[in-house]
Amino acid sequence: MTTTAPARQEVLPRLIRAGAAPGYLGMCRAEFNASARPHLTEIRIGKQGIAFCRYELDAFADEYIQKNLKKKPAREDDSPCSERRGEATWREKPSRASTKGPGSGTSTKSSKVSDFKKALEQAKGKKRSST
């Protein structure tokens, strides 16, 4: 009887280092330094390390989203975006295929049997030497 070890559960760190904080918020470093960093508490780690509290980053993200949220104006007809006003839906649009019905399957381009035989002979013929 074999037993399997319990699955490892990933634990998010409470402190996020300064290099990873912009990525955590989905920002480039310049935007992070301009808009987020002035509002966050820097936490020293050792002699040179700087980190930010994940909870504080989350709270900043919530405020940032609310501040920069752009709502789309309501449309009169509430139809899906793929449909244009005044046009039939895509299912009702006529097909660009021929409306003549089934055809004989003959080509509309005139070609001679001799042209086909010539091409066939060239394809079967010996390949030219590359030298």
N, C-alpha and C. Protein backbone atom coordinates (compact mmCIF):
# COMPACT_ATOMS: atom_id res chain seq x y z
N MET A 1 0.84 -1.17 0.00
CA MET A 1 0.00 0.00 0.00
C MET A 1 0.89 1.24 0.00
N THR A 2 0.69 2.09 -0.99
CA THR A 2 1.49 3.30 -1.08
C THR A 2 0.63 4.51 -0.74
N THR A 3 1.25 5.44 -0.11
CA THR A 3 0.54 6.68 0.20
C THR A 3 1.23 7.81 -0.55
N THR A 4 0.45 8.74 -1.00
CA THR A 4 1.02 9.89 -1.69
C THR A 4 1.09 11.05 -0.73
N ALA A 5 2.10 11.85 -0.93
CA ALA A 5 2.26 13.03 -0.09
C ALA A 5 1.17 14.04 -0.42
N PRO A 6 0.74 14.80 0.55
CA PRO A 6 -0.27 15.82 0.25
C PRO A 6 0.28 16.86 -0.72
N ALA A 7 -0.59 17.38 -1.55
CA ALA A 7 -0.16 18.37 -2.54
C ALA A 7 0.38 19.61 -1.84
N ARG A 8 1.47 20.15 -2.41
CA ARG A 8 2.05 21.36 -1.83
C ARG A 8 1.18 22.55 -2.18
N GLN A 9 0.95 23.36 -1.22
CA GLN A 9 0.13 24.54 -1.42
C GLN A 9 1.05 25.75 -1.53
N GLU A 10 0.89 26.51 -2.60
CA GLU A 10 1.70 27.70 -2.79
C GLU A 10 1.26 28.77 -1.80
N VAL A 11 2.24 29.41 -1.21
CA VAL A 11 1.97 30.48 -0.25
C VAL A 11 2.50 31.77 -0.85
N LEU A 12 1.63 32.76 -0.95
CA LEU A 12 2.07 34.07 -1.43
C LEU A 12 2.84 34.76 -0.32
N PRO A 13 3.96 35.38 -0.68
CA PRO A 13 4.72 36.08 0.36
C PRO A 13 3.98 37.33 0.82
N ARG A 14 4.12 37.65 2.09
CA ARG A 14 3.49 38.84 2.63
C ARG A 14 4.22 40.09 2.16
N LEU A 15 5.55 39.99 2.04
CA LEU A 15 6.34 41.11 1.58
C LEU A 15 6.78 40.86 0.14
N ILE A 16 6.58 41.87 -0.69
CA ILE A 16 6.95 41.78 -2.10
C ILE A 16 8.11 42.75 -2.32
N ARG A 17 9.22 42.23 -2.82
CA ARG A 17 10.40 43.07 -3.03
C ARG A 17 10.12 44.14 -4.08
N ALA A 18 10.87 45.23 -3.98
CA ALA A 18 10.67 46.40 -4.84
C ALA A 18 10.78 46.05 -6.32
N GLY A 19 11.63 45.11 -6.67
CA GLY A 19 11.78 44.73 -8.07
C GLY A 19 10.58 43.98 -8.62
N ALA A 20 9.85 43.29 -7.75
CA ALA A 20 8.70 42.50 -8.19
C ALA A 20 7.38 43.24 -8.02
N ALA A 21 7.37 44.31 -7.24
CA ALA A 21 6.12 45.02 -6.94
C ALA A 21 5.44 45.60 -8.18
N PRO A 22 6.16 46.22 -9.13
CA PRO A 22 5.47 46.71 -10.32
C PRO A 22 4.77 45.59 -11.10
N GLY A 23 5.43 44.46 -11.23
CA GLY A 23 4.82 43.32 -11.91
C GLY A 23 3.62 42.77 -11.17
N TYR A 24 3.67 42.79 -9.86
CA TYR A 24 2.54 42.33 -9.06
C TYR A 24 1.31 43.18 -9.34
N LEU A 25 1.51 44.49 -9.54
CA LEU A 25 0.40 45.39 -9.84
C LEU A 25 0.09 45.48 -11.34
N GLY A 26 0.93 44.85 -12.16
CA GLY A 26 0.72 44.90 -13.60
C GLY A 26 1.12 46.23 -14.21
N MET A 27 2.08 46.90 -13.61
CA MET A 27 2.53 48.22 -14.08
C MET A 27 3.98 48.13 -14.52
N CYS A 28 4.37 49.07 -15.36
CA CYS A 28 5.79 49.21 -15.65
C CYS A 28 6.43 49.93 -14.46
N ARG A 29 7.74 49.86 -14.38
CA ARG A 29 8.44 50.45 -13.24
C ARG A 29 8.21 51.96 -13.16
N ALA A 30 8.18 52.65 -14.30
CA ALA A 30 8.00 54.10 -14.29
C ALA A 30 6.63 54.48 -13.73
N GLU A 31 5.59 53.77 -14.16
CA GLU A 31 4.24 54.06 -13.64
C GLU A 31 4.15 53.73 -12.16
N PHE A 32 4.77 52.63 -11.75
CA PHE A 32 4.77 52.25 -10.34
C PHE A 32 5.44 53.33 -9.50
N ASN A 33 6.62 53.78 -9.94
CA ASN A 33 7.34 54.81 -9.18
C ASN A 33 6.58 56.13 -9.13
N ALA A 34 5.84 56.45 -10.19
CA ALA A 34 5.12 57.72 -10.23
C ALA A 34 3.80 57.68 -9.47
N SER A 35 3.05 56.60 -9.61
CA SER A 35 1.70 56.60 -9.03
C SER A 35 1.56 55.77 -7.76
N ALA A 36 2.28 54.69 -7.62
CA ALA A 36 2.08 53.80 -6.47
C ALA A 36 3.08 54.04 -5.33
N ARG A 37 4.33 54.08 -5.67
CA ARG A 37 5.38 54.13 -4.64
C ARG A 37 5.22 55.25 -3.63
N PRO A 38 4.83 56.48 -4.04
CA PRO A 38 4.68 57.55 -3.04
C PRO A 38 3.61 57.26 -1.98
N HIS A 39 2.69 56.35 -2.27
CA HIS A 39 1.59 56.06 -1.34
C HIS A 39 1.83 54.79 -0.52
N LEU A 40 2.95 54.13 -0.74
CA LEU A 40 3.22 52.86 -0.07
C LEU A 40 4.32 53.01 0.98
N THR A 41 4.24 52.16 1.98
CA THR A 41 5.25 52.13 3.03
C THR A 41 6.38 51.21 2.60
N GLU A 42 7.60 51.72 2.56
CA GLU A 42 8.76 50.90 2.23
C GLU A 42 9.23 50.17 3.48
N ILE A 43 9.49 48.90 3.32
CA ILE A 43 9.96 48.06 4.43
C ILE A 43 11.38 47.62 4.11
N ARG A 44 12.31 47.92 5.00
CA ARG A 44 13.70 47.54 4.80
C ARG A 44 13.87 46.06 5.09
N ILE A 45 14.61 45.38 4.22
CA ILE A 45 14.97 43.98 4.43
C ILE A 45 16.49 43.92 4.38
N GLY A 46 17.10 43.67 5.51
CA GLY A 46 18.56 43.63 5.59
C GLY A 46 19.15 45.01 5.35
N LYS A 47 20.36 45.05 4.75
CA LYS A 47 21.04 46.31 4.54
C LYS A 47 20.56 47.04 3.29
N GLN A 48 20.20 46.29 2.24
CA GLN A 48 19.88 46.95 0.97
C GLN A 48 18.48 46.65 0.45
N GLY A 49 17.83 45.65 0.96
CA GLY A 49 16.55 45.24 0.41
C GLY A 49 15.40 46.16 0.77
N ILE A 50 14.50 46.35 -0.15
CA ILE A 50 13.29 47.13 0.09
C ILE A 50 12.11 46.27 -0.39
N ALA A 51 11.06 46.27 0.41
CA ALA A 51 9.87 45.50 0.06
C ALA A 51 8.63 46.32 0.40
N PHE A 52 7.49 45.84 -0.09
CA PHE A 52 6.20 46.45 0.19
C PHE A 52 5.26 45.37 0.68
N CYS A 53 4.35 45.74 1.56
CA CYS A 53 3.37 44.80 2.09
C CYS A 53 2.36 44.47 1.00
N ARG A 54 2.12 43.18 0.80
CA ARG A 54 1.18 42.74 -0.23
C ARG A 54 -0.22 43.28 0.01
N TYR A 55 -0.64 43.35 1.26
CA TYR A 55 -1.98 43.87 1.59
C TYR A 55 -2.09 45.35 1.22
N GLU A 56 -1.00 46.09 1.44
CA GLU A 56 -1.01 47.50 1.10
C GLU A 56 -1.02 47.68 -0.43
N LEU A 57 -0.30 46.80 -1.13
CA LEU A 57 -0.32 46.83 -2.59
C LEU A 57 -1.72 46.52 -3.12
N ASP A 58 -2.39 45.55 -2.50
CA ASP A 58 -3.75 45.21 -2.91
C ASP A 58 -4.71 46.38 -2.68
N ALA A 59 -4.57 47.05 -1.53
CA ALA A 59 -5.45 48.19 -1.23
C ALA A 59 -5.20 49.32 -2.23
N PHE A 60 -3.92 49.57 -2.55
CA PHE A 60 -3.61 50.59 -3.54
C PHE A 60 -4.23 50.23 -4.89
N ALA A 61 -4.11 48.95 -5.28
CA ALA A 61 -4.67 48.51 -6.56
C ALA A 61 -6.18 48.74 -6.62
N ASP A 62 -6.88 48.45 -5.53
CA ASP A 62 -8.33 48.67 -5.49
C ASP A 62 -8.66 50.15 -5.70
N GLU A 63 -7.93 51.03 -5.02
CA GLU A 63 -8.17 52.47 -5.17
C GLU A 63 -7.80 52.93 -6.58
N TYR A 64 -6.71 52.42 -7.12
CA TYR A 64 -6.25 52.80 -8.45
C TYR A 64 -7.29 52.41 -9.51
N ILE A 65 -7.84 51.23 -9.35
CA ILE A 65 -8.85 50.75 -10.29
C ILE A 65 -10.08 51.66 -10.25
N GLN A 66 -10.57 51.96 -9.06
CA GLN A 66 -11.75 52.81 -8.93
C GLN A 66 -11.50 54.21 -9.50
N LYS A 67 -10.32 54.73 -9.28
CA LYS A 67 -9.98 56.07 -9.75
C LYS A 67 -9.87 56.12 -11.27
N ASN A 68 -9.33 55.08 -11.88
CA ASN A 68 -9.06 55.08 -13.31
C ASN A 68 -10.06 54.27 -14.13
N LEU A 69 -11.13 53.85 -13.51
CA LEU A 69 -12.14 53.06 -14.20
C LEU A 69 -12.87 53.91 -15.22
N LYS A 70 -12.94 53.43 -16.44
CA LYS A 70 -13.67 54.13 -17.49
C LYS A 70 -14.87 53.28 -17.87
N LYS A 71 -16.04 53.83 -17.65
CA LYS A 71 -17.25 53.10 -18.00
C LYS A 71 -17.66 53.45 -19.41
N LYS A 72 -18.10 52.44 -20.13
CA LYS A 72 -18.56 52.66 -21.49
C LYS A 72 -19.96 53.25 -21.44
N PRO A 73 -20.26 54.19 -22.32
CA PRO A 73 -21.61 54.75 -22.33
C PRO A 73 -22.62 53.69 -22.74
N ALA A 74 -23.81 53.76 -22.15
CA ALA A 74 -24.85 52.78 -22.44
C ALA A 74 -25.36 52.99 -23.86
N ARG A 75 -25.60 51.90 -24.56
CA ARG A 75 -26.12 51.97 -25.92
C ARG A 75 -27.63 51.85 -25.87
N GLU A 76 -28.28 52.47 -26.83
CA GLU A 76 -29.74 52.48 -26.85
C GLU A 76 -30.33 51.10 -27.05
N ASP A 77 -29.78 50.34 -27.99
CA ASP A 77 -30.41 49.07 -28.35
C ASP A 77 -29.84 47.86 -27.61
N ASP A 78 -28.77 48.03 -26.85
CA ASP A 78 -28.13 46.94 -26.11
C ASP A 78 -27.87 45.71 -26.97
N SER A 79 -27.59 45.90 -28.25
CA SER A 79 -27.29 44.77 -29.11
C SER A 79 -25.80 44.44 -28.97
N PRO A 80 -25.41 43.21 -29.29
CA PRO A 80 -24.00 42.85 -29.20
C PRO A 80 -23.15 43.73 -30.12
N CYS A 81 -21.90 43.90 -29.76
CA CYS A 81 -21.01 44.78 -30.51
C CYS A 81 -20.76 44.30 -31.93
N SER A 82 -20.94 43.00 -32.18
CA SER A 82 -20.63 42.49 -33.51
C SER A 82 -21.69 42.88 -34.53
N GLU A 83 -22.84 43.33 -34.09
CA GLU A 83 -23.89 43.72 -35.02
C GLU A 83 -23.87 45.23 -35.19
N ARG A 84 -24.00 45.66 -36.43
CA ARG A 84 -24.05 47.08 -36.71
C ARG A 84 -25.50 47.52 -36.76
N ARG A 85 -25.69 48.76 -36.44
CA ARG A 85 -27.06 49.28 -36.46
C ARG A 85 -27.59 49.30 -37.89
N GLY A 86 -28.84 48.91 -38.04
CA GLY A 86 -29.49 48.97 -39.33
C GLY A 86 -29.19 47.80 -40.25
N GLU A 87 -28.30 46.90 -39.86
CA GLU A 87 -27.98 45.75 -40.70
C GLU A 87 -28.60 44.50 -40.10
N ALA A 88 -28.77 43.52 -40.92
CA ALA A 88 -29.27 42.24 -40.44
C ALA A 88 -28.17 41.58 -39.60
N THR A 89 -28.56 40.68 -38.74
CA THR A 89 -27.55 39.97 -37.96
C THR A 89 -26.72 39.11 -38.89
N TRP A 90 -25.60 38.64 -38.44
CA TRP A 90 -24.70 37.90 -39.31
C TRP A 90 -25.34 36.61 -39.81
N ARG A 91 -26.25 36.03 -39.05
CA ARG A 91 -26.91 34.81 -39.50
C ARG A 91 -27.91 35.09 -40.63
N GLU A 92 -28.42 36.31 -40.69
CA GLU A 92 -29.41 36.63 -41.70
C GLU A 92 -28.80 37.24 -42.95
N LYS A 93 -27.50 37.52 -42.93
CA LYS A 93 -26.86 38.12 -44.10
C LYS A 93 -26.76 37.07 -45.20
N PRO A 94 -26.98 37.49 -46.46
CA PRO A 94 -26.88 36.51 -47.56
C PRO A 94 -25.44 36.04 -47.75
N SER A 95 -25.32 34.81 -48.18
CA SER A 95 -24.01 34.23 -48.43
C SER A 95 -23.44 34.80 -49.72
N ARG A 96 -22.12 34.91 -49.78
CA ARG A 96 -21.48 35.39 -51.00
C ARG A 96 -21.27 34.25 -51.99
N ALA A 97 -21.69 33.04 -51.64
CA ALA A 97 -21.55 31.91 -52.54
C ALA A 97 -22.54 32.07 -53.69
N SER A 98 -22.33 31.32 -54.74
CA SER A 98 -23.20 31.40 -55.91
C SER A 98 -24.63 31.04 -55.55
N THR A 99 -25.56 31.77 -56.11
CA THR A 99 -26.98 31.49 -55.86
C THR A 99 -27.61 30.72 -57.00
N LYS A 100 -26.80 30.28 -57.98
CA LYS A 100 -27.33 29.57 -59.14
C LYS A 100 -27.66 28.12 -58.83
N GLY A 101 -27.26 27.61 -57.70
CA GLY A 101 -27.50 26.21 -57.38
C GLY A 101 -26.33 25.37 -57.81
N PRO A 102 -26.47 24.04 -57.72
CA PRO A 102 -25.37 23.16 -58.08
C PRO A 102 -25.03 23.27 -59.56
N GLY A 103 -23.74 23.27 -59.85
CA GLY A 103 -23.29 23.39 -61.23
C GLY A 103 -22.65 22.10 -61.71
N SER A 104 -22.14 22.13 -62.91
CA SER A 104 -21.57 20.93 -63.51
C SER A 104 -20.17 20.66 -63.01
N GLY A 105 -19.51 21.64 -62.41
CA GLY A 105 -18.16 21.44 -61.91
C GLY A 105 -17.10 21.68 -62.95
N THR A 106 -17.46 22.28 -64.06
CA THR A 106 -16.46 22.56 -65.09
C THR A 106 -15.76 23.86 -64.77
N SER A 107 -14.53 23.94 -65.18
CA SER A 107 -13.74 25.14 -64.94
C SER A 107 -14.19 26.25 -65.86
N THR A 108 -14.13 27.47 -65.36
CA THR A 108 -14.50 28.61 -66.18
C THR A 108 -13.32 29.11 -66.98
N LYS A 109 -12.13 28.64 -66.65
CA LYS A 109 -10.94 29.06 -67.39
C LYS A 109 -10.72 28.07 -68.53
N SER A 110 -10.53 28.61 -69.71
CA SER A 110 -10.33 27.73 -70.86
C SER A 110 -8.88 27.27 -70.88
N SER A 111 -8.72 25.98 -70.90
CA SER A 111 -7.38 25.41 -71.01
C SER A 111 -7.44 24.26 -71.99
N LYS A 112 -6.37 24.03 -72.65
CA LYS A 112 -6.33 22.99 -73.66
C LYS A 112 -5.74 21.73 -73.05
N VAL A 113 -6.17 20.59 -73.60
CA VAL A 113 -5.64 19.31 -73.14
C VAL A 113 -4.15 19.26 -73.40
N SER A 114 -3.69 19.86 -74.48
CA SER A 114 -2.26 19.82 -74.80
C SER A 114 -1.44 20.57 -73.75
N ASP A 115 -2.02 21.65 -73.18
CA ASP A 115 -1.31 22.37 -72.11
C ASP A 115 -1.12 21.47 -70.90
N PHE A 116 -2.15 20.69 -70.57
CA PHE A 116 -2.06 19.78 -69.43
C PHE A 116 -1.02 18.70 -69.68
N LYS A 117 -1.05 18.12 -70.91
CA LYS A 117 -0.08 17.06 -71.23
C LYS A 117 1.35 17.59 -71.17
N LYS A 118 1.55 18.81 -71.64
CA LYS A 118 2.88 19.42 -71.61
C LYS A 118 3.37 19.60 -70.17
N ALA A 119 2.48 20.07 -69.31
CA ALA A 119 2.85 20.26 -67.90
C ALA A 119 3.13 18.92 -67.23
N LEU A 120 2.35 17.89 -67.58
CA LEU A 120 2.54 16.57 -67.01
C LEU A 120 3.89 15.99 -67.43
N GLU A 121 4.25 16.16 -68.68
CA GLU A 121 5.55 15.67 -69.16
C GLU A 121 6.71 16.39 -68.46
N GLN A 122 6.56 17.68 -68.23
CA GLN A 122 7.62 18.42 -67.55
C GLN A 122 7.76 17.93 -66.11
N ALA A 123 6.64 17.61 -65.48
CA ALA A 123 6.68 17.14 -64.10
C ALA A 123 7.31 15.75 -64.01
N LYS A 124 7.04 14.89 -65.00
CA LYS A 124 7.57 13.52 -64.99
C LYS A 124 9.02 13.47 -65.46
N GLY A 125 9.42 14.46 -66.24
CA GLY A 125 10.74 14.45 -66.85
C GLY A 125 11.87 14.48 -65.83
N LYS A 126 13.06 14.21 -66.33
CA LYS A 126 14.23 14.22 -65.47
C LYS A 126 14.52 15.62 -64.98
N LYS A 127 14.96 15.72 -63.73
CA LYS A 127 15.32 17.01 -63.18
C LYS A 127 16.67 17.44 -63.73
N ARG A 128 16.79 18.72 -63.94
CA ARG A 128 18.06 19.26 -64.45
C ARG A 128 19.14 19.20 -63.37
N SER A 129 20.32 19.03 -63.80
CA SER A 129 21.45 18.98 -62.91
C SER A 129 21.70 20.39 -62.37
N SER A 130 22.05 20.52 -61.10
CA SER A 130 22.29 21.82 -60.51
C SER A 130 23.67 22.37 -60.84
N THR A 131 24.52 21.56 -61.53
CA THR A 131 25.86 22.05 -61.88
C THR A 131 25.93 22.54 -63.29
